[in-house]
Amino acid sequence: MPILSENYFKSKFCMLELGFAYSQLYNLHKDDEAVYIAPFVIQPIKKSDALSNTPMANLQVGEINNVDDIRSFIHSLKEDKGFRIKSGTKGS
């Protein structure tokens, strides 16, 4: 789950790493149309701009400070991927 920030985009290594991960995971999952990378942005980066003009422009991007985006991500982990996620409670 890449966290896309201004510093992330300034780093050539981070961008190369994201491109490599995308290509490897795309090739692994291209037949099952699985969502395999879930990037999130940190303001001032806008999710609509985060990956535009890149081969990864088709990826859905969430905002790390948007409660609905986080809930949607957790829901997809639970429902689509079968992850078991426990809510944090006192004493656990």
PDB file of N, CA and C in Angstrom:
ATOM      1  N   MET A   1       0.848  -1.163   0.000  1.00  0.00           N
ATOM      2  CA  MET A   1       0.000   0.000   0.000  1.00  0.00           C
ATOM      3  C   MET A   1       0.897   1.230   0.000  1.00  0.00           C
ATOM      4  N   PRO A   2       1.175   1.785  -1.172  1.00  0.00           N
ATOM      5  CA  PRO A   2       2.008   2.985  -1.228  1.00  0.00           C
ATOM      6  C   PRO A   2       1.275   4.206  -0.676  1.00  0.00           C
ATOM      7  N   ILE A   3       2.018   5.014   0.055  1.00  0.00           N
ATOM      8  CA  ILE A   3       1.505   6.296   0.546  1.00  0.00           C
ATOM      9  C   ILE A   3       2.183   7.372  -0.286  1.00  0.00           C
ATOM     10  N   LEU A   4       1.412   8.033  -1.127  1.00  0.00           N
ATOM     11  CA  LEU A   4       1.947   8.986  -2.093  1.00  0.00           C
ATOM     12  C   LEU A   4       1.936  10.397  -1.513  1.00  0.00           C
ATOM     13  N   SER A   5       3.118  10.938  -1.324  1.00  0.00           N
ATOM     14  CA  SER A   5       3.276  12.285  -0.776  1.00  0.00           C
ATOM     15  C   SER A   5       4.147  13.098  -1.728  1.00  0.00           C
ATOM     16  N   GLU A   6       4.335  14.373  -1.414  1.00  0.00           N
ATOM     17  CA  GLU A   6       5.213  15.207  -2.237  1.00  0.00           C
ATOM     18  C   GLU A   6       6.622  14.609  -2.274  1.00  0.00           C
ATOM     19  N   ASN A   7       7.118  14.177  -1.114  1.00  0.00           N
ATOM     20  CA  ASN A   7       8.460  13.596  -1.063  1.00  0.00           C
ATOM     21  C   ASN A   7       8.530  12.284  -1.833  1.00  0.00           C
ATOM     22  N   TYR A   8       7.460  11.507  -1.815  1.00  0.00           N
ATOM     23  CA  TYR A   8       7.420  10.253  -2.566  1.00  0.00           C
ATOM     24  C   TYR A   8       7.647  10.534  -4.050  1.00  0.00           C
ATOM     25  N   PHE A   9       6.935  11.518  -4.579  1.00  0.00           N
ATOM     26  CA  PHE A   9       7.047  11.846  -5.999  1.00  0.00           C
ATOM     27  C   PHE A   9       8.406  12.449  -6.357  1.00  0.00           C
ATOM     28  N   LYS A  10       9.081  13.053  -5.391  1.00  0.00           N
ATOM     29  CA  LYS A  10      10.413  13.609  -5.646  1.00  0.00           C
ATOM     30  C   LYS A  10      11.480  12.517  -5.692  1.00  0.00           C
ATOM     31  N   SER A  11      11.187  11.358  -5.139  1.00  0.00           N
ATOM     32  CA  SER A  11      12.159  10.270  -5.068  1.00  0.00           C
ATOM     33  C   SER A  11      12.091   9.396  -6.320  1.00  0.00           C
ATOM     34  N   LYS A  12      13.168   9.394  -7.096  1.00  0.00           N
ATOM     35  CA  LYS A  12      13.219   8.538  -8.280  1.00  0.00           C
ATOM     36  C   LYS A  12      13.107   7.074  -7.872  1.00  0.00           C
ATOM     37  N   PHE A  13      13.729   6.711  -6.756  1.00  0.00           N
ATOM     38  CA  PHE A  13      13.684   5.326  -6.302  1.00  0.00           C
ATOM     39  C   PHE A  13      12.248   4.905  -5.985  1.00  0.00           C
ATOM     40  N   CYS A  14      11.503   5.748  -5.284  1.00  0.00           N
ATOM     41  CA  CYS A  14      10.116   5.406  -4.946  1.00  0.00           C
ATOM     42  C   CYS A  14       9.280   5.213  -6.207  1.00  0.00           C
ATOM     43  N   MET A  15       9.439   6.090  -7.173  1.00  0.00           N
ATOM     44  CA  MET A  15       8.661   5.974  -8.405  1.00  0.00           C
ATOM     45  C   MET A  15       9.044   4.714  -9.184  1.00  0.00           C
ATOM     46  N   LEU A  16      10.338   4.387  -9.221  1.00  0.00           N
ATOM     47  CA  LEU A  16      10.773   3.154  -9.874  1.00  0.00           C
ATOM     48  C   LEU A  16      10.225   1.938  -9.141  1.00  0.00           C
ATOM     49  N   GLU A  17      10.253   1.984  -7.831  1.00  0.00           N
ATOM     50  CA  GLU A  17       9.742   0.872  -7.021  1.00  0.00           C
ATOM     51  C   GLU A  17       8.245   0.664  -7.263  1.00  0.00           C
ATOM     52  N   LEU A  18       7.486   1.742  -7.314  1.00  0.00           N
ATOM     53  CA  LEU A  18       6.054   1.642  -7.575  1.00  0.00           C
ATOM     54  C   LEU A  18       5.802   1.078  -8.968  1.00  0.00           C
ATOM     55  N   GLY A  19       6.543   1.547  -9.951  1.00  0.00           N
ATOM     56  CA  GLY A  19       6.389   1.027 -11.310  1.00  0.00           C
ATOM     57  C   GLY A  19       6.734  -0.446 -11.396  1.00  0.00           C
ATOM     58  N   PHE A  20       7.795  -0.866 -10.720  1.00  0.00           N
ATOM     59  CA  PHE A  20       8.180  -2.272 -10.726  1.00  0.00           C
ATOM     60  C   PHE A  20       7.117  -3.130 -10.048  1.00  0.00           C
ATOM     61  N   ALA A  21       6.648  -2.692  -8.883  1.00  0.00           N
ATOM     62  CA  ALA A  21       5.606  -3.449  -8.173  1.00  0.00           C
ATOM     63  C   ALA A  21       4.346  -3.547  -9.020  1.00  0.00           C
ATOM     64  N   TYR A  22       3.975  -2.451  -9.651  1.00  0.00           N
ATOM     65  CA  TYR A  22       2.785  -2.454 -10.496  1.00  0.00           C
ATOM     66  C   TYR A  22       2.929  -3.471 -11.623  1.00  0.00           C
ATOM     67  N   SER A  23       4.067  -3.452 -12.319  1.00  0.00           N
ATOM     68  CA  SER A  23       4.235  -4.356 -13.458  1.00  0.00           C
ATOM     69  C   SER A  23       4.278  -5.813 -13.012  1.00  0.00           C
ATOM     70  N   GLN A  24       4.946  -6.102 -11.913  1.00  0.00           N
ATOM     71  CA  GLN A  24       5.021  -7.473 -11.428  1.00  0.00           C
ATOM     72  C   GLN A  24       3.651  -7.980 -10.985  1.00  0.00           C
ATOM     73  N   LEU A  25       2.938  -7.177 -10.230  1.00  0.00           N
ATOM     74  CA  LEU A  25       1.633  -7.597  -9.734  1.00  0.00           C
ATOM     75  C   LEU A  25       0.593  -7.614 -10.845  1.00  0.00           C
ATOM     76  N   TYR A  26       0.707  -6.698 -11.804  1.00  0.00           N
ATOM     77  CA  TYR A  26      -0.206  -6.716 -12.945  1.00  0.00           C
ATOM     78  C   TYR A  26      -0.062  -8.036 -13.710  1.00  0.00           C
ATOM     79  N   ASN A  27       1.172  -8.413 -13.991  1.00  0.00           N
ATOM     80  CA  ASN A  27       1.401  -9.664 -14.715  1.00  0.00           C
ATOM     81  C   ASN A  27       0.909 -10.875 -13.938  1.00  0.00           C
ATOM     82  N   LEU A  28       1.024 -10.837 -12.638  1.00  0.00           N
ATOM     83  CA  LEU A  28       0.586 -11.942 -11.797  1.00  0.00           C
ATOM     84  C   LEU A  28      -0.936 -12.054 -11.737  1.00  0.00           C
ATOM     85  N   HIS A  29      -1.640 -10.911 -11.761  1.00  0.00           N
ATOM     86  CA  HIS A  29      -3.090 -10.887 -11.551  1.00  0.00           C
ATOM     87  C   HIS A  29      -3.903 -10.429 -12.758  1.00  0.00           C
ATOM     88  N   LYS A  30      -3.299 -10.292 -13.931  1.00  0.00           N
ATOM     89  CA  LYS A  30      -4.023  -9.719 -15.072  1.00  0.00           C
ATOM     90  C   LYS A  30      -5.226 -10.551 -15.499  1.00  0.00           C
ATOM     91  N   ASP A  31      -5.201 -11.849 -15.274  1.00  0.00           N
ATOM     92  CA  ASP A  31      -6.314 -12.696 -15.693  1.00  0.00           C
ATOM     93  C   ASP A  31      -7.490 -12.668 -14.728  1.00  0.00           C
ATOM     94  N   ASP A  32      -7.243 -12.400 -13.445  1.00  0.00           N
ATOM     95  CA  ASP A  32      -8.341 -12.403 -12.477  1.00  0.00           C
ATOM     96  C   ASP A  32      -8.850 -11.006 -12.143  1.00  0.00           C
ATOM     97  N   GLU A  33      -8.311  -9.981 -12.798  1.00  0.00           N
ATOM     98  CA  GLU A  33      -8.744  -8.581 -12.610  1.00  0.00           C
ATOM     99  C   GLU A  33      -8.768  -8.158 -11.151  1.00  0.00           C
ATOM    100  N   ALA A  34      -7.848  -8.691 -10.365  1.00  0.00           N
ATOM    101  CA  ALA A  34      -7.795  -8.378  -8.937  1.00  0.00           C
ATOM    102  C   ALA A  34      -7.215  -6.986  -8.698  1.00  0.00           C
ATOM    103  N   VAL A  35      -7.654  -6.365  -7.616  1.00  0.00           N
ATOM    104  CA  VAL A  35      -7.043  -5.121  -7.163  1.00  0.00           C
ATOM    105  C   VAL A  35      -5.848  -5.543  -6.316  1.00  0.00           C
ATOM    106  N   TYR A  36      -4.684  -5.113  -6.695  1.00  0.00           N
ATOM    107  CA  TYR A  36      -3.480  -5.618  -6.061  1.00  0.00           C
ATOM    108  C   TYR A  36      -2.591  -4.524  -5.498  1.00  0.00           C
ATOM    109  N   ILE A  37      -2.853  -3.280  -5.832  1.00  0.00           N
ATOM    110  CA  ILE A  37      -2.141  -2.154  -5.234  1.00  0.00           C
ATOM    111  C   ILE A  37      -3.188  -1.132  -4.822  1.00  0.00           C
ATOM    112  N   ALA A  38      -3.089  -0.662  -3.598  1.00  0.00           N
ATOM    113  CA  ALA A  38      -4.054   0.317  -3.089  1.00  0.00           C
ATOM    114  C   ALA A  38      -3.304   1.549  -2.612  1.00  0.00           C
ATOM    115  N   PRO A  39      -2.992   2.474  -3.524  1.00  0.00           N
ATOM    116  CA  PRO A  39      -2.270   3.677  -3.113  1.00  0.00           C
ATOM    117  C   PRO A  39      -3.183   4.679  -2.402  1.00  0.00           C
ATOM    118  N   PHE A  40      -2.591   5.379  -1.461  1.00  0.00           N
ATOM    119  CA  PHE A  40      -3.262   6.467  -0.758  1.00  0.00           C
ATOM    120  C   PHE A  40      -2.409   7.713  -0.884  1.00  0.00           C
ATOM    121  N   VAL A  41      -3.055   8.868  -0.914  1.00  0.00           N
ATOM    122  CA  VAL A  41      -2.340  10.137  -1.029  1.00  0.00           C
ATOM    123  C   VAL A  41      -2.412  10.906   0.279  1.00  0.00           C
ATOM    124  N   ILE A  42      -1.407  11.746   0.455  1.00  0.00           N
ATOM    125  CA  ILE A  42      -1.360  12.692   1.570  1.00  0.00           C
ATOM    126  C   ILE A  42      -1.419  14.080   0.959  1.00  0.00           C
ATOM    127  N   GLN A  43      -2.293  14.930   1.497  1.00  0.00           N
ATOM    128  CA  GLN A  43      -2.414  16.296   0.982  1.00  0.00           C
ATOM    129  C   GLN A  43      -1.065  16.984   1.035  1.00  0.00           C
ATOM    130  N   PRO A  44      -0.759  17.809   0.086  1.00  0.00           N
ATOM    131  CA  PRO A  44      -1.628  18.466  -0.870  1.00  0.00           C
ATOM    132  C   PRO A  44      -1.843  17.682  -2.169  1.00  0.00           C
ATOM    133  N   ILE A  45      -1.304  16.468  -2.279  1.00  0.00           N
ATOM    134  CA  ILE A  45      -1.540  15.659  -3.470  1.00  0.00           C
ATOM    135  C   ILE A  45      -3.024  15.316  -3.525  1.00  0.00           C
ATOM    136  N   LYS A  46      -3.621  15.454  -4.680  1.00  0.00           N
ATOM    137  CA  LYS A  46      -5.032  15.108  -4.866  1.00  0.00           C
ATOM    138  C   LYS A  46      -5.109  13.729  -5.496  1.00  0.00           C
ATOM    139  N   LYS A  47      -6.076  12.925  -5.039  1.00  0.00           N
ATOM    140  CA  LYS A  47      -6.164  11.567  -5.570  1.00  0.00           C
ATOM    141  C   LYS A  47      -6.443  11.552  -7.064  1.00  0.00           C
ATOM    142  N   SER A  48      -7.136  12.548  -7.575  1.00  0.00           N
ATOM    143  CA  SER A  48      -7.408  12.598  -9.016  1.00  0.00           C
ATOM    144  C   SER A  48      -6.144  12.888  -9.832  1.00  0.00           C
ATOM    145  N   ASP A  49      -5.147  13.500  -9.207  1.00  0.00           N
ATOM    146  CA  ASP A  49      -3.910  13.851  -9.895  1.00  0.00           C
ATOM    147  C   ASP A  49      -2.765  12.886  -9.619  1.00  0.00           C
ATOM    148  N   ALA A  50      -2.894  12.070  -8.598  1.00  0.00           N
ATOM    149  CA  ALA A  50      -1.769  11.295  -8.078  1.00  0.00           C
ATOM    150  C   ALA A  50      -1.066  10.459  -9.138  1.00  0.00           C
ATOM    151  N   LEU A  51      -1.797   9.710  -9.912  1.00  0.00           N
ATOM    152  CA  LEU A  51      -1.181   8.814 -10.886  1.00  0.00           C
ATOM    153  C   LEU A  51      -1.563   9.151 -12.328  1.00  0.00           C
ATOM    154  N   SER A  52      -2.154  10.332 -12.506  1.00  0.00           N
ATOM    155  CA  SER A  52      -2.516  10.721 -13.873  1.00  0.00           C
ATOM    156  C   SER A  52      -1.247  10.818 -14.718  1.00  0.00           C
ATOM    157  N   ASN A  53      -1.390  10.557 -15.985  1.00  0.00           N
ATOM    158  CA  ASN A  53      -0.272  10.575 -16.936  1.00  0.00           C
ATOM    159  C   ASN A  53       0.799   9.534 -16.624  1.00  0.00           C
ATOM    160  N   THR A  54       0.400   8.455 -15.968  1.00  0.00           N
ATOM    161  CA  THR A  54       1.304   7.325 -15.728  1.00  0.00           C
ATOM    162  C   THR A  54       0.595   6.053 -16.194  1.00  0.00           C
ATOM    163  N   PRO A  55       1.331   4.975 -16.389  1.00  0.00           N
ATOM    164  CA  PRO A  55       0.683   3.708 -16.737  1.00  0.00           C
ATOM    165  C   PRO A  55      -0.239   3.188 -15.627  1.00  0.00           C
ATOM    166  N   MET A  56      -0.129   3.771 -14.434  1.00  0.00           N
ATOM    167  CA  MET A  56      -0.935   3.337 -13.298  1.00  0.00           C
ATOM    168  C   MET A  56      -2.175   4.197 -13.089  1.00  0.00           C
ATOM    169  N   ALA A  57      -2.519   5.023 -14.080  1.00  0.00           N
ATOM    170  CA  ALA A  57      -3.647   5.952 -13.954  1.00  0.00           C
ATOM    171  C   ALA A  57      -4.968   5.236 -13.703  1.00  0.00           C
ATOM    172  N   ASN A  58      -5.046   3.954 -14.038  1.00  0.00           N
ATOM    173  CA  ASN A  58      -6.292   3.209 -13.840  1.00  0.00           C
ATOM    174  C   ASN A  58      -6.487   2.742 -12.401  1.00  0.00           C
ATOM    175  N   LEU A  59      -5.481   2.869 -11.569  1.00  0.00           N
ATOM    176  CA  LEU A  59      -5.615   2.435 -10.177  1.00  0.00           C
ATOM    177  C   LEU A  59      -6.467   3.420  -9.386  1.00  0.00           C
ATOM    178  N   GLN A  60      -7.321   2.873  -8.545  1.00  0.00           N
ATOM    179  CA  GLN A  60      -8.114   3.725  -7.663  1.00  0.00           C
ATOM    180  C   GLN A  60      -7.224   4.183  -6.520  1.00  0.00           C
ATOM    181  N   VAL A  61      -7.248   5.464  -6.244  1.00  0.00           N
ATOM    182  CA  VAL A  61      -6.417   6.064  -5.206  1.00  0.00           C
ATOM    183  C   VAL A  61      -7.328   6.590  -4.108  1.00  0.00           C
ATOM    184  N   GLY A  62      -6.934   6.386  -2.873  1.00  0.00           N
ATOM    185  CA  GLY A  62      -7.683   6.912  -1.733  1.00  0.00           C
ATOM    186  C   GLY A  62      -6.923   8.036  -1.064  1.00  0.00           C
ATOM    187  N   GLU A  63      -7.644   8.814  -0.271  1.00  0.00           N
ATOM    188  CA  GLU A  63      -7.009   9.855   0.539  1.00  0.00           C
ATOM    189  C   GLU A  63      -6.864   9.323   1.956  1.00  0.00           C
ATOM    190  N   ILE A  64      -5.658   9.406   2.486  1.00  0.00           N
ATOM    191  CA  ILE A  64      -5.361   8.827   3.793  1.00  0.00           C
ATOM    192  C   ILE A  64      -6.175   9.495   4.910  1.00  0.00           C
ATOM    193  N   ASN A  65      -6.620  10.735   4.702  1.00  0.00           N
ATOM    194  CA  ASN A  65      -7.403  11.427   5.726  1.00  0.00           C
ATOM    195  C   ASN A  65      -8.904  11.422   5.425  1.00  0.00           C
ATOM    196  N   ASN A  66      -9.336  10.575   4.501  1.00  0.00           N
ATOM    197  CA  ASN A  66     -10.749  10.489   4.147  1.00  0.00           C
ATOM    198  C   ASN A  66     -11.337   9.203   4.760  1.00  0.00           C
ATOM    199  N   VAL A  67     -12.221   9.367   5.717  1.00  0.00           N
ATOM    200  CA  VAL A  67     -12.786   8.227   6.445  1.00  0.00           C
ATOM    201  C   VAL A  67     -13.484   7.255   5.498  1.00  0.00           C
ATOM    202  N   ASP A  68     -14.209   7.766   4.516  1.00  0.00           N
ATOM    203  CA  ASP A  68     -14.905   6.883   3.574  1.00  0.00           C
ATOM    204  C   ASP A  68     -13.925   6.059   2.735  1.00  0.00           C
ATOM    205  N   ASP A  69     -12.797   6.662   2.337  1.00  0.00           N
ATOM    206  CA  ASP A  69     -11.795   5.918   1.579  1.00  0.00           C
ATOM    207  C   ASP A  69     -11.174   4.811   2.431  1.00  0.00           C
ATOM    208  N   ILE A  70     -10.896   5.110   3.684  1.00  0.00           N
ATOM    209  CA  ILE A  70     -10.326   4.098   4.590  1.00  0.00           C
ATOM    210  C   ILE A  70     -11.331   2.980   4.825  1.00  0.00           C
ATOM    211  N   ARG A  71     -12.586   3.335   5.072  1.00  0.00           N
ATOM    212  CA  ARG A  71     -13.619   2.308   5.273  1.00  0.00           C
ATOM    213  C   ARG A  71     -13.778   1.425   4.042  1.00  0.00           C
ATOM    214  N   SER A  72     -13.759   2.020   2.879  1.00  0.00           N
ATOM    215  CA  SER A  72     -13.876   1.268   1.635  1.00  0.00           C
ATOM    216  C   SER A  72     -12.703   0.296   1.478  1.00  0.00           C
ATOM    217  N   PHE A  73     -11.508   0.759   1.801  1.00  0.00           N
ATOM    218  CA  PHE A  73     -10.328  -0.092   1.725  1.00  0.00           C
ATOM    219  C   PHE A  73     -10.440  -1.276   2.696  1.00  0.00           C
ATOM    220  N   ILE A  74     -10.828  -1.002   3.925  1.00  0.00           N
ATOM    221  CA  ILE A  74     -10.977  -2.074   4.925  1.00  0.00           C
ATOM    222  C   ILE A  74     -12.070  -3.046   4.497  1.00  0.00           C
ATOM    223  N   HIS A  75     -13.173  -2.510   3.977  1.00  0.00           N
ATOM    224  CA  HIS A  75     -14.255  -3.370   3.495  1.00  0.00           C
ATOM    225  C   HIS A  75     -13.758  -4.287   2.383  1.00  0.00           C
ATOM    226  N   SER A  76     -12.986  -3.755   1.454  1.00  0.00           N
ATOM    227  CA  SER A  76     -12.485  -4.590   0.357  1.00  0.00           C
ATOM    228  C   SER A  76     -11.525  -5.658   0.870  1.00  0.00           C
ATOM    229  N   LEU A  77     -10.731  -5.332   1.885  1.00  0.00           N
ATOM    230  CA  LEU A  77      -9.848  -6.348   2.463  1.00  0.00           C
ATOM    231  C   LEU A  77     -10.654  -7.477   3.091  1.00  0.00           C
ATOM    232  N   LYS A  78     -11.713  -7.106   3.793  1.00  0.00           N
ATOM    233  CA  LYS A  78     -12.537  -8.119   4.465  1.00  0.00           C
ATOM    234  C   LYS A  78     -13.374  -8.920   3.478  1.00  0.00           C
ATOM    235  N   GLU A  79     -14.073  -8.239   2.593  1.00  0.00           N
ATOM    236  CA  GLU A  79     -15.044  -8.895   1.722  1.00  0.00           C
ATOM    237  C   GLU A  79     -14.410  -9.525   0.478  1.00  0.00           C
ATOM    238  N   ASP A  80     -13.505  -8.807  -0.144  1.00  0.00           N
ATOM    239  CA  ASP A  80     -12.928  -9.289  -1.403  1.00  0.00           C
ATOM    240  C   ASP A  80     -11.723 -10.198  -1.187  1.00  0.00           C
ATOM    241  N   LYS A  81     -10.940  -9.907  -0.171  1.00  0.00           N
ATOM    242  CA  LYS A  81      -9.704 -10.650   0.055  1.00  0.00           C
ATOM    243  C   LYS A  81      -9.804 -11.657   1.190  1.00  0.00           C
ATOM    244  N   GLY A  82     -10.883 -11.587   1.988  1.00  0.00           N
ATOM    245  CA  GLY A  82     -11.070 -12.538   3.072  1.00  0.00           C
ATOM    246  C   GLY A  82     -10.207 -12.297   4.296  1.00  0.00           C
ATOM    247  N   PHE A  83      -9.672 -11.078   4.451  1.00  0.00           N
ATOM    248  CA  PHE A  83      -8.878 -10.768   5.631  1.00  0.00           C
ATOM    249  C   PHE A  83      -9.786 -10.725   6.856  1.00  0.00           C
ATOM    250  N   ARG A  84      -9.267 -11.179   7.973  1.00  0.00           N
ATOM    251  CA  ARG A  84      -9.981 -11.046   9.248  1.00  0.00           C
ATOM    252  C   ARG A  84      -9.395  -9.845   9.964  1.00  0.00           C
ATOM    253  N   ILE A  85     -10.223  -8.865  10.205  1.00  0.00           N
ATOM    254  CA  ILE A  85      -9.760  -7.623  10.848  1.00  0.00           C
ATOM    255  C   ILE A  85     -10.568  -7.422  12.114  1.00  0.00           C
ATOM    256  N   LYS A  86      -9.857  -7.329  13.227  1.00  0.00           N
ATOM    257  CA  LYS A  86     -10.510  -7.108  14.515  1.00  0.00           C
ATOM    258  C   LYS A  86     -10.469  -5.636  14.852  1.00  0.00           C
ATOM    259  N   SER A  87     -11.534  -5.152  15.461  1.00  0.00           N
ATOM    260  CA  SER A  87     -11.563  -3.786  15.942  1.00  0.00           C
ATOM    261  C   SER A  87     -10.733  -3.703  17.211  1.00  0.00           C
ATOM    262  N   GLY A  88     -10.043  -2.606  17.388  1.00  0.00           N
ATOM    263  CA  GLY A  88      -9.272  -2.419  18.606  1.00  0.00           C
ATOM    264  C   GLY A  88     -10.209  -2.140  19.777  1.00  0.00           C
ATOM    265  N   THR A  89     -10.020  -2.873  20.864  1.00  0.00           N
ATOM    266  CA  THR A  89     -10.811  -2.647  22.078  1.00  0.00           C
ATOM    267  C   THR A  89      -9.872  -2.631  23.261  1.00  0.00           C
ATOM    268  N   LYS A  90     -10.332  -2.035  24.336  1.00  0.00           N
ATOM    269  CA  LYS A  90      -9.524  -2.025  25.558  1.00  0.00           C
ATOM    270  C   LYS A  90      -9.329  -3.449  26.043  1.00  0.00           C
ATOM    271  N   GLY A  91      -8.113  -3.691  26.471  1.00  0.00           N
ATOM    272  CA  GLY A  91      -7.815  -5.000  27.042  1.00  0.00           C
ATOM    273  C   GLY A  91      -7.510  -6.075  26.014  1.00  0.00           C
ATOM    274  N   SER A  92      -7.470  -5.719  24.731  1.00  0.00           N
ATOM    275  CA  SER A  92      -7.162  -6.749  23.739  1.00  0.00           C
ATOM    276  C   SER A  92      -5.729  -6.683  23.283  1.00  0.00           C
TER     277      SER A  92
END
